[in-house]
Amino acid sequence: MHPYRLLYPMRTYLVVSGHGGEANVMAADWVTIVSYEPFMVGVAIAPERTTHGLVKKYGEFVISVPSLEMLRDVWIAGTKKGPSKLKEMSITLVPSKSVKVPSIKEALANLECKVVDARDYGDHTWFVGEVVGYSYREEAFKDGKPNLKAKFLAHSAWTDFVTFCEEIYKTE
């Protein structure tokens, strides 16, 4: 077993890149917040991925938050290569508010990012994007918290995905 699997389960996201006929979507687990103010997120993308070239070319990307209902699309985005896979997916690409890269209508949320840094670490490039716009489904985020009934997706092993239970454990 590779030791990076010891960090799983991890949330799974979709990364949208490019626009027009070049628009592409890939699945990514290696996504995290890197700054609160300004709000920035980072994503690790291998150079051989189509998304890598499109993020470098356009300097923008969108992080979309999928639900369990989007599992088939997440699998296609993570196992097939290039924009042609969009024909097999059931997602709807819609204009974003602040970037030219489209957002995913069916996603629970979309974070629109402009690249502020890109650095190579081993076999991946770490792209940091400042979040310049966003959209979300109100029913998925109530009172500033995720509504676990929305079935946020996490990746637990190669072909295995999970959602979060609705039981909340409080520290106080």
N, C-alpha and C. Protein backbone atom coordinates (compact mmCIF):
# COMPACT_ATOMS: atom_id res chain seq x y z
N MET A 1 0.84 -1.19 0.00
CA MET A 1 0.00 0.00 0.00
C MET A 1 0.88 1.25 0.00
N HIS A 2 0.49 2.24 -0.77
CA HIS A 2 1.22 3.50 -0.78
C HIS A 2 0.83 4.31 0.46
N PRO A 3 1.79 4.93 1.15
CA PRO A 3 1.46 5.61 2.41
C PRO A 3 0.52 6.81 2.26
N TYR A 4 0.36 7.39 1.05
CA TYR A 4 -0.58 8.50 0.93
C TYR A 4 -2.00 8.05 1.23
N ARG A 5 -2.29 6.76 1.06
CA ARG A 5 -3.62 6.23 1.36
C ARG A 5 -3.94 6.29 2.85
N LEU A 6 -2.93 6.48 3.68
CA LEU A 6 -3.16 6.59 5.12
C LEU A 6 -3.89 7.89 5.48
N LEU A 7 -3.94 8.83 4.55
CA LEU A 7 -4.66 10.09 4.77
C LEU A 7 -6.13 10.03 4.35
N TYR A 8 -6.54 8.92 3.77
CA TYR A 8 -7.92 8.78 3.31
C TYR A 8 -8.82 8.29 4.44
N PRO A 9 -10.13 8.53 4.39
CA PRO A 9 -10.89 9.12 3.29
C PRO A 9 -10.66 10.64 3.18
N MET A 10 -10.76 11.12 1.95
CA MET A 10 -10.59 12.53 1.64
C MET A 10 -11.80 13.01 0.85
N ARG A 11 -12.15 14.27 1.02
CA ARG A 11 -13.22 14.84 0.21
C ARG A 11 -12.81 14.78 -1.26
N THR A 12 -13.78 14.58 -2.11
CA THR A 12 -13.56 14.54 -3.55
C THR A 12 -14.20 15.78 -4.18
N TYR A 13 -13.49 16.37 -5.12
CA TYR A 13 -13.96 17.57 -5.81
C TYR A 13 -13.84 17.37 -7.31
N LEU A 14 -14.48 18.24 -8.06
CA LEU A 14 -14.29 18.30 -9.50
C LEU A 14 -13.59 19.61 -9.81
N VAL A 15 -12.57 19.55 -10.66
CA VAL A 15 -11.83 20.74 -11.06
C VAL A 15 -12.20 21.03 -12.52
N VAL A 16 -12.77 22.19 -12.75
CA VAL A 16 -13.15 22.61 -14.10
C VAL A 16 -12.06 23.54 -14.61
N SER A 17 -11.67 23.35 -15.87
CA SER A 17 -10.63 24.19 -16.47
C SER A 17 -11.00 24.47 -17.92
N GLY A 18 -10.32 25.46 -18.51
CA GLY A 18 -10.56 25.81 -19.90
C GLY A 18 -11.93 26.44 -20.08
N HIS A 19 -12.25 26.77 -21.32
CA HIS A 19 -13.60 27.25 -21.62
C HIS A 19 -13.89 27.03 -23.08
N GLY A 20 -15.15 27.23 -23.46
CA GLY A 20 -15.56 26.93 -24.83
C GLY A 20 -15.38 25.46 -25.12
N GLY A 21 -14.89 25.14 -26.31
CA GLY A 21 -14.67 23.76 -26.72
C GLY A 21 -13.54 23.08 -25.98
N GLU A 22 -12.74 23.84 -25.22
CA GLU A 22 -11.64 23.27 -24.45
C GLU A 22 -12.02 22.95 -23.02
N ALA A 23 -13.23 23.26 -22.60
CA ALA A 23 -13.62 23.03 -21.20
C ALA A 23 -13.40 21.56 -20.83
N ASN A 24 -12.90 21.35 -19.63
CA ASN A 24 -12.58 20.01 -19.16
C ASN A 24 -12.90 19.92 -17.67
N VAL A 25 -13.17 18.70 -17.22
CA VAL A 25 -13.45 18.45 -15.81
C VAL A 25 -12.65 17.24 -15.37
N MET A 26 -11.95 17.36 -14.24
CA MET A 26 -11.24 16.22 -13.67
C MET A 26 -11.64 16.07 -12.20
N ALA A 27 -11.54 14.87 -11.67
CA ALA A 27 -11.78 14.63 -10.25
C ALA A 27 -10.46 14.83 -9.50
N ALA A 28 -10.56 15.37 -8.29
CA ALA A 28 -9.36 15.61 -7.48
C ALA A 28 -9.70 15.47 -6.00
N ASP A 29 -8.85 14.75 -5.30
CA ASP A 29 -8.97 14.63 -3.85
C ASP A 29 -8.01 15.59 -3.16
N TRP A 30 -6.93 15.93 -3.80
CA TRP A 30 -5.86 16.70 -3.18
C TRP A 30 -6.14 18.19 -3.33
N VAL A 31 -7.13 18.67 -2.60
CA VAL A 31 -7.60 20.06 -2.62
C VAL A 31 -7.68 20.53 -1.17
N THR A 32 -7.25 21.76 -0.89
CA THR A 32 -7.36 22.27 0.47
C THR A 32 -7.36 23.80 0.49
N ILE A 33 -7.80 24.36 1.61
CA ILE A 33 -7.73 25.79 1.86
C ILE A 33 -6.28 26.12 2.20
N VAL A 34 -5.75 27.21 1.64
CA VAL A 34 -4.40 27.63 1.99
C VAL A 34 -4.36 29.00 2.64
N SER A 35 -5.44 29.78 2.55
CA SER A 35 -5.50 31.09 3.20
C SER A 35 -6.95 31.49 3.42
N TYR A 36 -7.20 32.13 4.55
CA TYR A 36 -8.54 32.65 4.86
C TYR A 36 -8.72 34.05 4.28
N GLU A 37 -7.69 34.92 4.43
CA GLU A 37 -7.78 36.30 3.96
C GLU A 37 -6.49 36.69 3.26
N PRO A 38 -6.45 36.79 1.96
CA PRO A 38 -7.58 36.51 1.07
C PRO A 38 -7.85 35.00 1.00
N PHE A 39 -9.05 34.65 0.65
CA PHE A 39 -9.45 33.25 0.59
C PHE A 39 -8.78 32.60 -0.62
N MET A 40 -7.95 31.57 -0.34
CA MET A 40 -7.24 30.85 -1.40
C MET A 40 -7.35 29.36 -1.17
N VAL A 41 -7.40 28.64 -2.27
CA VAL A 41 -7.41 27.18 -2.22
C VAL A 41 -6.28 26.66 -3.10
N GLY A 42 -5.83 25.45 -2.80
CA GLY A 42 -4.79 24.81 -3.60
C GLY A 42 -5.26 23.46 -4.09
N VAL A 43 -4.73 23.07 -5.24
CA VAL A 43 -5.04 21.76 -5.81
C VAL A 43 -3.77 21.21 -6.46
N ALA A 44 -3.51 19.92 -6.24
CA ALA A 44 -2.36 19.25 -6.85
C ALA A 44 -2.83 18.57 -8.13
N ILE A 45 -2.15 18.89 -9.25
CA ILE A 45 -2.52 18.33 -10.55
C ILE A 45 -1.25 17.83 -11.24
N ALA A 46 -1.29 16.60 -11.71
CA ALA A 46 -0.15 16.02 -12.42
C ALA A 46 0.00 16.67 -13.80
N PRO A 47 1.24 16.94 -14.25
CA PRO A 47 1.47 17.60 -15.53
C PRO A 47 0.89 16.87 -16.74
N GLU A 48 0.73 15.55 -16.65
CA GLU A 48 0.18 14.83 -17.81
C GLU A 48 -1.34 14.96 -17.95
N ARG A 49 -1.99 15.57 -16.99
CA ARG A 49 -3.44 15.77 -17.04
C ARG A 49 -3.79 16.93 -17.96
N THR A 50 -4.86 16.78 -18.72
CA THR A 50 -5.35 17.86 -19.59
C THR A 50 -5.61 19.11 -18.78
N THR A 51 -6.17 18.95 -17.59
CA THR A 51 -6.49 20.08 -16.72
C THR A 51 -5.25 20.91 -16.40
N HIS A 52 -4.13 20.27 -16.20
CA HIS A 52 -2.87 20.97 -15.89
C HIS A 52 -2.56 22.00 -16.97
N GLY A 53 -2.60 21.57 -18.23
CA GLY A 53 -2.30 22.48 -19.33
C GLY A 53 -3.30 23.61 -19.46
N LEU A 54 -4.57 23.32 -19.20
CA LEU A 54 -5.61 24.35 -19.31
C LEU A 54 -5.52 25.36 -18.17
N VAL A 55 -5.20 24.92 -16.97
CA VAL A 55 -5.03 25.85 -15.85
C VAL A 55 -3.84 26.75 -16.12
N LYS A 56 -2.75 26.18 -16.63
CA LYS A 56 -1.56 26.99 -16.97
C LYS A 56 -1.90 28.00 -18.09
N LYS A 57 -2.63 27.55 -19.10
CA LYS A 57 -2.95 28.39 -20.25
C LYS A 57 -3.85 29.56 -19.87
N TYR A 58 -4.91 29.31 -19.09
CA TYR A 58 -5.91 30.34 -18.81
C TYR A 58 -5.75 31.01 -17.45
N GLY A 59 -4.99 30.40 -16.53
CA GLY A 59 -4.78 31.01 -15.23
C GLY A 59 -6.02 31.04 -14.35
N GLU A 60 -6.94 30.14 -14.60
CA GLU A 60 -8.19 30.08 -13.84
C GLU A 60 -8.62 28.63 -13.69
N PHE A 61 -9.40 28.36 -12.66
CA PHE A 61 -10.05 27.06 -12.51
C PHE A 61 -11.22 27.22 -11.56
N VAL A 62 -12.10 26.24 -11.57
CA VAL A 62 -13.25 26.21 -10.66
C VAL A 62 -13.19 24.90 -9.89
N ILE A 63 -13.33 24.98 -8.57
CA ILE A 63 -13.46 23.80 -7.73
C ILE A 63 -14.96 23.60 -7.49
N SER A 64 -15.49 22.48 -7.97
CA SER A 64 -16.91 22.17 -7.79
C SER A 64 -17.04 21.07 -6.74
N VAL A 65 -18.04 21.22 -5.89
CA VAL A 65 -18.29 20.29 -4.79
C VAL A 65 -19.42 19.34 -5.21
N PRO A 66 -19.08 18.07 -5.50
CA PRO A 66 -20.11 17.13 -5.93
C PRO A 66 -20.85 16.48 -4.76
N SER A 67 -22.03 15.97 -5.06
CA SER A 67 -22.79 15.19 -4.08
C SER A 67 -22.77 13.73 -4.54
N LEU A 68 -23.31 12.87 -3.70
CA LEU A 68 -23.40 11.45 -4.03
C LEU A 68 -24.15 11.23 -5.35
N GLU A 69 -25.14 12.07 -5.62
CA GLU A 69 -25.90 11.94 -6.87
C GLU A 69 -25.03 12.13 -8.11
N MET A 70 -23.87 12.74 -7.94
CA MET A 70 -22.96 12.98 -9.06
C MET A 70 -21.85 11.93 -9.15
N LEU A 71 -21.97 10.84 -8.41
CA LEU A 71 -20.89 9.84 -8.36
C LEU A 71 -20.48 9.33 -9.73
N ARG A 72 -21.43 9.02 -10.60
CA ARG A 72 -21.10 8.53 -11.94
C ARG A 72 -20.24 9.56 -12.69
N ASP A 73 -20.61 10.84 -12.59
CA ASP A 73 -19.85 11.89 -13.26
C ASP A 73 -18.46 12.05 -12.65
N VAL A 74 -18.36 11.92 -11.34
CA VAL A 74 -17.06 12.00 -10.67
C VAL A 74 -16.16 10.87 -11.18
N TRP A 75 -16.73 9.67 -11.31
CA TRP A 75 -15.94 8.52 -11.78
C TRP A 75 -15.45 8.76 -13.22
N ILE A 76 -16.32 9.24 -14.08
CA ILE A 76 -15.92 9.52 -15.46
C ILE A 76 -14.83 10.60 -15.48
N ALA A 77 -15.02 11.66 -14.70
CA ALA A 77 -14.05 12.76 -14.66
C ALA A 77 -12.70 12.30 -14.15
N GLY A 78 -12.70 11.28 -13.29
CA GLY A 78 -11.45 10.81 -12.70
C GLY A 78 -10.77 9.69 -13.46
N THR A 79 -11.49 9.05 -14.39
CA THR A 79 -10.90 7.90 -15.08
C THR A 79 -10.75 8.09 -16.58
N LYS A 80 -11.39 9.08 -17.16
CA LYS A 80 -11.28 9.33 -18.60
C LYS A 80 -10.49 10.60 -18.82
N LYS A 81 -9.92 10.74 -20.02
CA LYS A 81 -9.03 11.87 -20.31
C LYS A 81 -9.63 12.80 -21.36
N GLY A 82 -9.43 14.09 -21.16
CA GLY A 82 -9.75 15.11 -22.14
C GLY A 82 -11.20 15.55 -22.17
N PRO A 83 -11.45 16.66 -22.87
CA PRO A 83 -12.79 17.25 -22.93
C PRO A 83 -13.87 16.36 -23.54
N SER A 84 -13.49 15.35 -24.33
CA SER A 84 -14.50 14.49 -24.95
C SER A 84 -15.32 13.73 -23.91
N LYS A 85 -14.77 13.54 -22.70
CA LYS A 85 -15.51 12.81 -21.66
C LYS A 85 -16.77 13.56 -21.23
N LEU A 86 -16.83 14.87 -21.49
CA LEU A 86 -18.01 15.64 -21.10
C LEU A 86 -19.26 15.12 -21.79
N LYS A 87 -19.10 14.51 -22.98
CA LYS A 87 -20.25 13.94 -23.70
C LYS A 87 -20.86 12.77 -22.94
N GLU A 88 -20.07 12.09 -22.12
CA GLU A 88 -20.54 10.95 -21.34
C GLU A 88 -21.12 11.36 -20.00
N MET A 89 -20.85 12.59 -19.59
CA MET A 89 -21.25 13.05 -18.27
C MET A 89 -22.64 13.70 -18.31
N SER A 90 -23.28 13.74 -17.16
CA SER A 90 -24.63 14.31 -17.04
C SER A 90 -24.60 15.69 -16.40
N ILE A 91 -23.47 16.38 -16.48
CA ILE A 91 -23.36 17.70 -15.86
C ILE A 91 -23.72 18.79 -16.87
N THR A 92 -24.08 19.93 -16.31
CA THR A 92 -24.38 21.11 -17.12
C THR A 92 -23.37 22.18 -16.78
N LEU A 93 -22.59 22.61 -17.76
CA LEU A 93 -21.64 23.70 -17.54
C LEU A 93 -22.37 25.02 -17.72
N VAL A 94 -22.25 25.89 -16.73
CA VAL A 94 -22.93 27.19 -16.76
C VAL A 94 -21.90 28.29 -16.54
N PRO A 95 -22.20 29.51 -17.01
CA PRO A 95 -21.24 30.60 -16.81
C PRO A 95 -20.97 30.85 -15.32
N SER A 96 -19.72 31.10 -15.02
CA SER A 96 -19.33 31.49 -13.67
C SER A 96 -19.54 32.99 -13.53
N LYS A 97 -19.51 33.48 -12.29
CA LYS A 97 -19.73 34.90 -12.04
C LYS A 97 -18.49 35.75 -12.32
N SER A 98 -17.30 35.22 -11.98
CA SER A 98 -16.09 36.06 -11.98
C SER A 98 -14.93 35.54 -12.82
N VAL A 99 -15.05 34.35 -13.40
CA VAL A 99 -14.01 33.81 -14.27
C VAL A 99 -14.66 33.29 -15.55
N LYS A 100 -13.84 33.08 -16.57
CA LYS A 100 -14.37 32.56 -17.85
C LYS A 100 -14.58 31.05 -17.83
N VAL A 101 -13.88 30.35 -16.91
CA VAL A 101 -14.06 28.91 -16.76
C VAL A 101 -15.48 28.67 -16.24
N PRO A 102 -16.22 27.72 -16.82
CA PRO A 102 -17.59 27.50 -16.36
C PRO A 102 -17.66 26.78 -15.01
N SER A 103 -18.82 26.88 -14.39
CA SER A 103 -19.12 26.16 -13.16
C SER A 103 -20.04 24.98 -13.51
N ILE A 104 -20.29 24.11 -12.55
CA ILE A 104 -21.16 22.95 -12.76
C ILE A 104 -22.48 23.21 -12.04
N LYS A 105 -23.55 23.26 -12.81
CA LYS A 105 -24.88 23.56 -12.28
C LYS A 105 -25.31 22.58 -11.19
N GLU A 106 -25.04 21.30 -11.36
CA GLU A 106 -25.49 20.27 -10.44
C GLU A 106 -24.68 20.21 -9.14
N ALA A 107 -23.55 20.89 -9.08
CA ALA A 107 -22.67 20.83 -7.91
C ALA A 107 -23.33 21.51 -6.70
N LEU A 108 -22.93 21.08 -5.52
CA LEU A 108 -23.41 21.70 -4.28
C LEU A 108 -22.83 23.09 -4.12
N ALA A 109 -21.62 23.32 -4.66
CA ALA A 109 -20.97 24.62 -4.62
C ALA A 109 -19.92 24.69 -5.71
N ASN A 110 -19.57 25.91 -6.10
CA ASN A 110 -18.51 26.16 -7.07
C ASN A 110 -17.67 27.32 -6.55
N LEU A 111 -16.35 27.11 -6.49
CA LEU A 111 -15.41 28.15 -6.08
C LEU A 111 -14.61 28.58 -7.30
N GLU A 112 -14.76 29.83 -7.70
CA GLU A 112 -14.11 30.36 -8.90
C GLU A 112 -12.76 30.94 -8.52
N CYS A 113 -11.70 30.45 -9.15
CA CYS A 113 -10.34 30.78 -8.72
C CYS A 113 -9.49 31.35 -9.84
N LYS A 114 -8.67 32.34 -9.49
CA LYS A 114 -7.63 32.87 -10.36
C LYS A 114 -6.29 32.42 -9.79
N VAL A 115 -5.47 31.83 -10.62
CA VAL A 115 -4.18 31.30 -10.17
C VAL A 115 -3.28 32.44 -9.70
N VAL A 116 -2.74 32.29 -8.48
CA VAL A 116 -1.79 33.26 -7.94
C VAL A 116 -0.40 32.65 -7.77
N ASP A 117 -0.31 31.32 -7.85
CA ASP A 117 0.98 30.67 -7.72
C ASP A 117 0.87 29.24 -8.27
N ALA A 118 1.97 28.75 -8.79
CA ALA A 118 2.06 27.36 -9.24
C ALA A 118 3.49 26.90 -9.02
N ARG A 119 3.64 25.79 -8.30
CA ARG A 119 4.96 25.26 -8.00
C ARG A 119 4.95 23.75 -8.17
N ASP A 120 6.05 23.25 -8.69
CA ASP A 120 6.18 21.81 -8.87
C ASP A 120 6.74 21.19 -7.60
N TYR A 121 6.07 20.13 -7.17
CA TYR A 121 6.52 19.32 -6.03
C TYR A 121 6.46 17.88 -6.47
N GLY A 122 7.60 17.26 -6.64
CA GLY A 122 7.63 15.87 -7.09
C GLY A 122 6.92 15.72 -8.42
N ASP A 123 5.95 14.82 -8.47
CA ASP A 123 5.27 14.53 -9.74
C ASP A 123 3.98 15.32 -9.94
N HIS A 124 3.71 16.36 -9.12
CA HIS A 124 2.52 17.19 -9.27
C HIS A 124 2.89 18.67 -9.22
N THR A 125 2.02 19.50 -9.79
CA THR A 125 2.11 20.95 -9.63
C THR A 125 1.04 21.36 -8.63
N TRP A 126 1.43 22.19 -7.69
CA TRP A 126 0.50 22.72 -6.70
C TRP A 126 0.05 24.09 -7.20
N PHE A 127 -1.21 24.17 -7.63
CA PHE A 127 -1.79 25.42 -8.09
C PHE A 127 -2.54 26.06 -6.93
N VAL A 128 -2.23 27.31 -6.65
CA VAL A 128 -2.95 28.06 -5.63
C VAL A 128 -3.80 29.09 -6.36
N GLY A 129 -5.08 29.11 -6.02
CA GLY A 129 -5.99 30.06 -6.65
C GLY A 129 -6.68 30.92 -5.61
N GLU A 130 -6.75 32.22 -5.89
CA GLU A 130 -7.56 33.10 -5.04
C GLU A 130 -9.01 32.95 -5.47
N VAL A 131 -9.88 32.73 -4.50
CA VAL A 131 -11.30 32.58 -4.79
C VAL A 131 -11.87 33.98 -5.03
N VAL A 132 -12.31 34.21 -6.28
CA VAL A 132 -12.81 35.53 -6.67
C VAL A 132 -14.32 35.54 -6.87
N GLY A 133 -14.95 34.39 -6.77
CA GLY A 133 -16.39 34.28 -6.89
C GLY A 133 -16.82 32.89 -6.46
N TYR A 134 -18.08 32.74 -6.16
CA TYR A 134 -18.58 31.43 -5.76
C TYR A 134 -20.10 31.38 -5.92
N SER A 135 -20.61 30.16 -5.95
CA SER A 135 -22.05 29.92 -5.96
C SER A 135 -22.28 28.65 -5.16
N TYR A 136 -23.47 28.50 -4.61
CA TYR A 136 -23.78 27.30 -3.84
C TYR A 136 -25.29 27.11 -3.75
N ARG A 137 -25.66 25.88 -3.44
CA ARG A 137 -27.06 25.54 -3.21
C ARG A 137 -27.39 25.86 -1.76
N GLU A 138 -28.35 26.71 -1.56
CA GLU A 138 -28.69 27.13 -0.20
C GLU A 138 -29.08 25.96 0.69
N GLU A 139 -29.78 24.96 0.13
CA GLU A 139 -30.21 23.82 0.95
C GLU A 139 -29.02 22.96 1.40
N ALA A 140 -27.89 23.07 0.74
CA ALA A 140 -26.70 22.29 1.10
C ALA A 140 -25.86 22.98 2.18
N PHE A 141 -26.10 24.25 2.41
CA PHE A 141 -25.34 25.02 3.39
C PHE A 141 -26.31 25.88 4.19
N LYS A 142 -26.75 25.35 5.33
CA LYS A 142 -27.71 26.06 6.17
C LYS A 142 -26.99 26.71 7.34
N ASP A 143 -27.31 27.97 7.59
CA ASP A 143 -26.72 28.71 8.71
C ASP A 143 -25.19 28.69 8.69
N GLY A 144 -24.62 28.75 7.50
CA GLY A 144 -23.17 28.78 7.37
C GLY A 144 -22.49 27.44 7.61
N LYS A 145 -23.26 26.36 7.67
CA LYS A 145 -22.69 25.03 7.90
C LYS A 145 -23.16 24.09 6.79
N PRO A 146 -22.33 23.08 6.47
CA PRO A 146 -22.80 22.11 5.48
C PRO A 146 -23.95 21.28 6.05
N ASN A 147 -24.97 21.10 5.24
CA ASN A 147 -26.10 20.24 5.60
C ASN A 147 -25.74 18.83 5.14
N LEU A 148 -25.44 17.94 6.05
CA LEU A 148 -24.97 16.61 5.70
C LEU A 148 -25.99 15.79 4.93
N LYS A 149 -27.25 16.21 4.95
CA LYS A 149 -28.27 15.53 4.14
C LYS A 149 -28.02 15.73 2.65
N ALA A 150 -27.17 16.70 2.30
CA ALA A 150 -26.83 16.95 0.89
C ALA A 150 -25.91 15.86 0.34
N LYS A 151 -25.36 15.01 1.20
CA LYS A 151 -24.52 13.87 0.81
C LYS A 151 -23.23 14.29 0.10
N PHE A 152 -22.43 15.07 0.81
CA PHE A 152 -21.11 15.44 0.32
C PHE A 152 -20.30 14.17 0.09
N LEU A 153 -19.49 14.16 -0.93
CA LEU A 153 -18.78 12.96 -1.35
C LEU A 153 -17.35 12.93 -0.81
N ALA A 154 -16.92 11.76 -0.37
CA ALA A 154 -15.53 11.54 0.02
C ALA A 154 -15.05 10.25 -0.62
N HIS A 155 -13.76 10.21 -0.93
CA HIS A 155 -13.13 9.06 -1.59
C HIS A 155 -12.41 8.26 -0.52
N SER A 156 -12.76 6.98 -0.39
CA SER A 156 -12.12 6.18 0.66
C SER A 156 -11.08 5.20 0.13
N ALA A 157 -11.23 4.75 -1.10
CA ALA A 157 -10.28 3.85 -1.75
C ALA A 157 -10.53 3.94 -3.25
N TRP A 158 -9.75 3.25 -4.04
CA TRP A 158 -9.79 3.40 -5.50
C TRP A 158 -11.21 3.49 -6.06
N THR A 159 -12.05 2.50 -5.80
CA THR A 159 -13.41 2.51 -6.35
C THR A 159 -14.48 2.78 -5.30
N ASP A 160 -14.07 3.12 -4.09
CA ASP A 160 -15.00 3.28 -2.98
C ASP A 160 -15.17 4.75 -2.59
N PHE A 161 -16.43 5.14 -2.43
CA PHE A 161 -16.77 6.50 -2.01
C PHE A 161 -17.74 6.42 -0.84
N VAL A 162 -17.76 7.44 -0.02
CA VAL A 162 -18.65 7.49 1.13
C VAL A 162 -19.24 8.90 1.25
N THR A 163 -20.29 9.00 2.04
CA THR A 163 -20.80 10.31 2.44
C THR A 163 -20.68 10.39 3.95
N PHE A 164 -21.05 11.51 4.52
CA PHE A 164 -20.91 11.73 5.95
C PHE A 164 -22.21 11.41 6.66
N CYS A 165 -22.10 10.82 7.85
CA CYS A 165 -23.30 10.53 8.63
C CYS A 165 -23.83 11.85 9.18
N GLU A 166 -25.08 11.84 9.54
CA GLU A 166 -25.71 13.07 10.02
C GLU A 166 -25.56 13.25 11.53
N GLU A 167 -24.93 12.31 12.20
CA GLU A 167 -24.73 12.45 13.63
C GLU A 167 -23.60 13.43 13.88
N ILE A 168 -23.87 14.42 14.69
CA ILE A 168 -22.89 15.46 14.99
C ILE A 168 -22.33 15.22 16.40
N TYR A 169 -21.02 15.26 16.53
CA TYR A 169 -20.36 15.12 17.82
C TYR A 169 -19.79 16.47 18.20
N LYS A 170 -20.23 17.02 19.31
CA LYS A 170 -19.78 18.35 19.74
C LYS A 170 -18.73 18.20 20.82
N THR A 171 -17.84 19.17 20.90
CA THR A 171 -16.77 19.13 21.90
C THR A 171 -17.22 19.76 23.21
N GLU A 172 -18.32 20.45 23.21
CA GLU A 172 -18.80 21.09 24.46
C GLU A 172 -20.19 20.62 24.79
